[in-house]
């Protein structure tokens, strides 16, 4: 069987990241993405929501 290695940043002497550290970094990135999405949706305002609700009433 062959082993695959995942390149790690920081040069040849960089220690591989532990699973917990990788998960923490992924969760932080996900949180930042969701925060940005939330801000985008809030800046879009209730314009789309009002149009959608009025459309349902017809």
PDB file of N, CA and C in Angstrom:
ATOM      1  N   UNK A   1       0.848  -1.178   0.000  1.00  0.00           N
ATOM      2  CA  UNK A   1       0.000   0.000   0.000  1.00  0.00           C
ATOM      3  C   UNK A   1       0.887   1.231   0.000  1.00  0.00           C
ATOM      4  N   UNK A   2       0.377   2.272  -0.625  1.00  0.00           N
ATOM      5  CA  UNK A   2       1.150   3.508  -0.673  1.00  0.00           C
ATOM      6  C   UNK A   2       0.645   4.475   0.385  1.00  0.00           C
ATOM      7  N   UNK A   3       1.541   5.301   0.869  1.00  0.00           N
ATOM      8  CA  UNK A   3       1.176   6.324   1.841  1.00  0.00           C
ATOM      9  C   UNK A   3       1.145   7.669   1.145  1.00  0.00           C
ATOM     10  N   UNK A   4       0.126   8.439   1.420  1.00  0.00           N
ATOM     11  CA  UNK A   4       0.043   9.789   0.881  1.00  0.00           C
ATOM     12  C   UNK A   4       0.431  10.756   1.976  1.00  0.00           C
ATOM     13  N   UNK A   5       1.193  11.764   1.603  1.00  0.00           N
ATOM     14  CA  UNK A   5       1.546  12.788   2.574  1.00  0.00           C
ATOM     15  C   UNK A   5       0.878  14.077   2.188  1.00  0.00           C
ATOM     16  N   UNK A   6       0.415  14.780   3.180  1.00  0.00           N
ATOM     17  CA  UNK A   6      -0.221  16.068   2.961  1.00  0.00           C
ATOM     18  C   UNK A   6       0.822  17.140   3.234  1.00  0.00           C
ATOM     19  N   UNK A   7       1.090  18.018   2.255  1.00  0.00           N
ATOM     20  CA  UNK A   7       2.097  19.049   2.489  1.00  0.00           C
ATOM     21  C   UNK A   7       1.679  19.974   3.628  1.00  0.00           C
ATOM     22  N   UNK A   8       2.610  20.270   4.494  1.00  0.00           N
ATOM     23  CA  UNK A   8       2.377  21.163   5.612  1.00  0.00           C
ATOM     24  C   UNK A   8       3.191  22.428   5.385  1.00  0.00           C
ATOM     25  N   UNK A   9       2.609  23.559   5.740  1.00  0.00           N
ATOM     26  CA  UNK A   9       3.334  24.813   5.601  1.00  0.00           C
ATOM     27  C   UNK A   9       4.391  24.946   6.676  1.00  0.00           C
ATOM     28  N   UNK A  10       5.369  25.818   6.456  1.00  0.00           N
ATOM     29  CA  UNK A  10       6.345  26.093   7.489  1.00  0.00           C
ATOM     30  C   UNK A  10       7.692  25.441   7.276  1.00  0.00           C
ATOM     31  N   UNK A  11       7.918  24.790   6.168  1.00  0.00           N
ATOM     32  CA  UNK A  11       9.231  24.226   5.903  1.00  0.00           C
ATOM     33  C   UNK A  11       9.331  22.757   6.263  1.00  0.00           C
ATOM     34  N   UNK A  12      10.534  22.220   6.088  1.00  0.00           N
ATOM     35  CA  UNK A  12      10.758  20.789   6.270  1.00  0.00           C
ATOM     36  C   UNK A  12      10.709  20.379   7.736  1.00  0.00           C
ATOM     37  N   UNK A  13      11.060  21.285   8.648  1.00  0.00           N
ATOM     38  CA  UNK A  13      11.098  20.908  10.056  1.00  0.00           C
ATOM     39  C   UNK A  13       9.791  21.210  10.785  1.00  0.00           C
ATOM     40  N   UNK A  14       8.731  21.553  10.051  1.00  0.00           N
ATOM     41  CA  UNK A  14       7.439  21.852  10.677  1.00  0.00           C
ATOM     42  C   UNK A  14       6.822  20.562  11.200  1.00  0.00           C
ATOM     43  N   UNK A  15       6.268  20.626  12.405  1.00  0.00           N
ATOM     44  CA  UNK A  15       5.602  19.461  12.978  1.00  0.00           C
ATOM     45  C   UNK A  15       4.218  19.331  12.363  1.00  0.00           C
ATOM     46  N   UNK A  16       3.778  18.115  12.094  1.00  0.00           N
ATOM     47  CA  UNK A  16       2.420  17.942  11.570  1.00  0.00           C
ATOM     48  C   UNK A  16       1.396  18.395  12.608  1.00  0.00           C
ATOM     49  N   UNK A  17       0.313  18.942  12.119  1.00  0.00           N
ATOM     50  CA  UNK A  17      -0.741  19.422  13.015  1.00  0.00           C
ATOM     51  C   UNK A  17      -1.529  18.242  13.556  1.00  0.00           C
ATOM     52  N   UNK A  18      -1.939  18.378  14.793  1.00  0.00           N
ATOM     53  CA  UNK A  18      -2.782  17.359  15.394  1.00  0.00           C
ATOM     54  C   UNK A  18      -4.210  17.516  14.891  1.00  0.00           C
ATOM     55  N   UNK A  19      -4.976  16.483  15.039  1.00  0.00           N
ATOM     56  CA  UNK A  19      -6.359  16.496  14.580  1.00  0.00           C
ATOM     57  C   UNK A  19      -7.164  17.589  15.267  1.00  0.00           C
ATOM     58  N   UNK A  20      -6.961  17.780  16.564  1.00  0.00           N
ATOM     59  CA  UNK A  20      -7.701  18.808  17.301  1.00  0.00           C
ATOM     60  C   UNK A  20      -7.369  20.201  16.768  1.00  0.00           C
ATOM     61  N   UNK A  21      -6.096  20.454  16.483  1.00  0.00           N
ATOM     62  CA  UNK A  21      -5.700  21.760  15.953  1.00  0.00           C
ATOM     63  C   UNK A  21      -6.307  21.981  14.571  1.00  0.00           C
ATOM     64  N   UNK A  22      -6.312  20.951  13.737  1.00  0.00           N
ATOM     65  CA  UNK A  22      -6.921  21.065  12.411  1.00  0.00           C
ATOM     66  C   UNK A  22      -8.404  21.372  12.522  1.00  0.00           C
ATOM     67  N   UNK A  23      -9.091  20.683  13.436  1.00  0.00           N
ATOM     68  CA  UNK A  23     -10.521  20.922  13.616  1.00  0.00           C
ATOM     69  C   UNK A  23     -10.781  22.334  14.129  1.00  0.00           C
ATOM     70  N   UNK A  24      -9.939  22.812  15.055  1.00  0.00           N
ATOM     71  CA  UNK A  24     -10.083  24.180  15.558  1.00  0.00           C
ATOM     72  C   UNK A  24      -9.943  25.194  14.428  1.00  0.00           C
ATOM     73  N   UNK A  25      -8.952  24.977  13.558  1.00  0.00           N
ATOM     74  CA  UNK A  25      -8.739  25.898  12.442  1.00  0.00           C
ATOM     75  C   UNK A  25      -9.906  25.853  11.457  1.00  0.00           C
ATOM     76  N   UNK A  26     -10.402  24.658  11.186  1.00  0.00           N
ATOM     77  CA  UNK A  26     -11.543  24.538  10.280  1.00  0.00           C
ATOM     78  C   UNK A  26     -12.791  25.186  10.861  1.00  0.00           C
ATOM     79  N   UNK A  27     -13.011  25.007  12.161  1.00  0.00           N
ATOM     80  CA  UNK A  27     -14.178  25.629  12.800  1.00  0.00           C
ATOM     81  C   UNK A  27     -14.065  27.144  12.801  1.00  0.00           C
ATOM     82  N   UNK A  28     -12.850  27.669  13.011  1.00  0.00           N
ATOM     83  CA  UNK A  28     -12.645  29.116  12.979  1.00  0.00           C
ATOM     84  C   UNK A  28     -12.914  29.658  11.576  1.00  0.00           C
ATOM     85  N   UNK A  29     -12.456  28.943  10.556  1.00  0.00           N
ATOM     86  CA  UNK A  29     -12.697  29.371   9.180  1.00  0.00           C
ATOM     87  C   UNK A  29     -14.188  29.308   8.845  1.00  0.00           C
ATOM     88  N   UNK A  30     -14.860  28.263   9.286  1.00  0.00           N
ATOM     89  CA  UNK A  30     -16.296  28.126   9.053  1.00  0.00           C
ATOM     90  C   UNK A  30     -17.067  29.235   9.754  1.00  0.00           C
ATOM     91  N   UNK A  31     -16.675  29.543  10.985  1.00  0.00           N
ATOM     92  CA  UNK A  31     -17.328  30.610  11.736  1.00  0.00           C
ATOM     93  C   UNK A  31     -17.161  31.951  11.015  1.00  0.00           C
ATOM     94  N   UNK A  32     -15.964  32.211  10.494  1.00  0.00           N
ATOM     95  CA  UNK A  32     -15.724  33.460   9.770  1.00  0.00           C
ATOM     96  C   UNK A  32     -16.571  33.518   8.502  1.00  0.00           C
ATOM     97  N   UNK A  33     -16.660  32.404   7.786  1.00  0.00           N
ATOM     98  CA  UNK A  33     -17.480  32.359   6.565  1.00  0.00           C
ATOM     99  C   UNK A  33     -18.955  32.584   6.885  1.00  0.00           C
ATOM    100  N   UNK A  34     -19.434  31.945   7.937  1.00  0.00           N
ATOM    101  CA  UNK A  34     -20.845  32.109   8.310  1.00  0.00           C
ATOM    102  C   UNK A  34     -21.137  33.530   8.781  1.00  0.00           C
ATOM    103  N   UNK A  35     -20.187  34.136   9.476  1.00  0.00           N
ATOM    104  CA  UNK A  35     -20.367  35.522   9.907  1.00  0.00           C
ATOM    105  C   UNK A  35     -20.445  36.455   8.705  1.00  0.00           C
ATOM    106  N   UNK A  36     -19.588  36.218   7.716  1.00  0.00           N
ATOM    107  CA  UNK A  36     -19.610  37.038   6.507  1.00  0.00           C
ATOM    108  C   UNK A  36     -20.915  36.839   5.741  1.00  0.00           C
ATOM    109  N   UNK A  37     -21.387  35.598   5.663  1.00  0.00           N
ATOM    110  CA  UNK A  37     -22.652  35.318   4.997  1.00  0.00           C
ATOM    111  C   UNK A  37     -23.804  35.996   5.722  1.00  0.00           C
ATOM    112  N   UNK A  38     -23.792  35.943   7.053  1.00  0.00           N
ATOM    113  CA  UNK A  38     -24.827  36.599   7.848  1.00  0.00           C
ATOM    114  C   UNK A  38     -24.826  38.103   7.583  1.00  0.00           C
ATOM    115  N   UNK A  39     -23.648  38.700   7.543  1.00  0.00           N
ATOM    116  CA  UNK A  39     -23.549  40.139   7.277  1.00  0.00           C
ATOM    117  C   UNK A  39     -24.077  40.461   5.880  1.00  0.00           C
ATOM    118  N   UNK A  40     -23.751  39.625   4.893  1.00  0.00           N
ATOM    119  CA  UNK A  40     -24.249  39.843   3.534  1.00  0.00           C
ATOM    120  C   UNK A  40     -25.773  39.763   3.488  1.00  0.00           C
ATOM    121  N   UNK A  41     -26.324  38.766   4.161  1.00  0.00           N
ATOM    122  CA  UNK A  41     -27.780  38.605   4.152  1.00  0.00           C
ATOM    123  C   UNK A  41     -28.465  39.764   4.867  1.00  0.00           C
ATOM    124  N   UNK A  42     -27.871  40.224   5.966  1.00  0.00           N
ATOM    125  CA  UNK A  42     -28.460  41.349   6.686  1.00  0.00           C
ATOM    126  C   UNK A  42     -28.372  42.635   5.866  1.00  0.00           C
ATOM    127  N   UNK A  43     -27.257  42.819   5.122  1.00  0.00           N
ATOM    128  CA  UNK A  43     -27.118  44.030   4.322  1.00  0.00           C
ATOM    129  C   UNK A  43     -28.087  44.011   3.135  1.00  0.00           C
ATOM    130  N   UNK A  44     -28.484  42.818   2.701  1.00  0.00           N
ATOM    131  CA  UNK A  44     -29.468  42.721   1.628  1.00  0.00           C
ATOM    132  C   UNK A  44     -30.817  43.228   2.123  1.00  0.00           C
ATOM    133  N   UNK A  45     -30.983  43.208   3.423  1.00  0.00           N
ATOM    134  CA  UNK A  45     -32.182  43.772   4.041  1.00  0.00           C
ATOM    135  C   UNK A  45     -33.395  42.897   3.907  1.00  0.00           C
ATOM    136  N   UNK A  46     -34.499  43.444   4.324  1.00  0.00           N
ATOM    137  CA  UNK A  46     -35.761  42.735   4.271  1.00  0.00           C
ATOM    138  C   UNK A  46     -36.463  42.896   2.942  1.00  0.00           C
ATOM    139  N   UNK A  47     -35.817  43.510   1.957  1.00  0.00           N
ATOM    140  CA  UNK A  47     -36.449  43.742   0.659  1.00  0.00           C
ATOM    141  C   UNK A  47     -36.928  42.435   0.039  1.00  0.00           C
ATOM    142  N   UNK A  48     -36.049  41.460  -0.015  1.00  0.00           N
ATOM    143  CA  UNK A  48     -36.416  40.175  -0.601  1.00  0.00           C
ATOM    144  C   UNK A  48     -37.447  39.446   0.218  1.00  0.00           C
ATOM    145  N   UNK A  49     -37.339  39.553   1.538  1.00  0.00           N
ATOM    146  CA  UNK A  49     -38.298  38.884   2.409  1.00  0.00           C
ATOM    147  C   UNK A  49     -39.682  39.478   2.245  1.00  0.00           C
ATOM    148  N   UNK A  50     -39.768  40.793   2.198  1.00  0.00           N
ATOM    149  CA  UNK A  50     -41.082  41.428   2.054  1.00  0.00           C
ATOM    150  C   UNK A  50     -41.724  41.055   0.727  1.00  0.00           C
ATOM    151  N   UNK A  51     -40.947  41.055  -0.341  1.00  0.00           N
ATOM    152  CA  UNK A  51     -41.488  40.688  -1.642  1.00  0.00           C
ATOM    153  C   UNK A  51     -41.965  39.246  -1.634  1.00  0.00           C
ATOM    154  N   UNK A  52     -41.200  38.370  -0.973  1.00  0.00           N
ATOM    155  CA  UNK A  52     -41.590  36.959  -0.904  1.00  0.00           C
ATOM    156  C   UNK A  52     -42.856  36.773  -0.099  1.00  0.00           C
ATOM    157  N   UNK A  53     -43.003  37.457   0.997  1.00  0.00           N
ATOM    158  CA  UNK A  53     -44.182  37.331   1.840  1.00  0.00           C
ATOM    159  C   UNK A  53     -45.403  37.896   1.120  1.00  0.00           C
ATOM    160  N   UNK A  54     -45.244  39.036   0.465  1.00  0.00           N
ATOM    161  CA  UNK A  54     -46.360  39.606  -0.277  1.00  0.00           C
ATOM    162  C   UNK A  54     -46.786  38.705  -1.414  1.00  0.00           C
ATOM    163  N   UNK A  55     -45.806  38.036  -2.041  1.00  0.00           N
ATOM    164  CA  UNK A  55     -46.119  37.103  -3.120  1.00  0.00           C
ATOM    165  C   UNK A  55     -46.943  35.930  -2.637  1.00  0.00           C
ATOM    166  N   UNK A  56     -46.708  35.485  -1.405  1.00  0.00           N
ATOM    167  CA  UNK A  56     -47.489  34.375  -0.854  1.00  0.00           C
ATOM    168  C   UNK A  56     -48.924  34.782  -0.555  1.00  0.00           C
ATOM    169  N   UNK A  57     -49.153  36.039  -0.234  1.00  0.00           N
ATOM    170  CA  UNK A  57     -50.481  36.512   0.126  1.00  0.00           C
ATOM    171  C   UNK A  57     -51.406  36.577  -1.084  1.00  0.00           C
ATOM    172  N   UNK A  58     -50.824  36.702  -2.281  1.00  0.00           N
ATOM    173  CA  UNK A  58     -51.665  36.817  -3.489  1.00  0.00           C
ATOM    174  C   UNK A  58     -52.333  35.536  -3.848  1.00  0.00           C
TER     175      UNK A  58
END
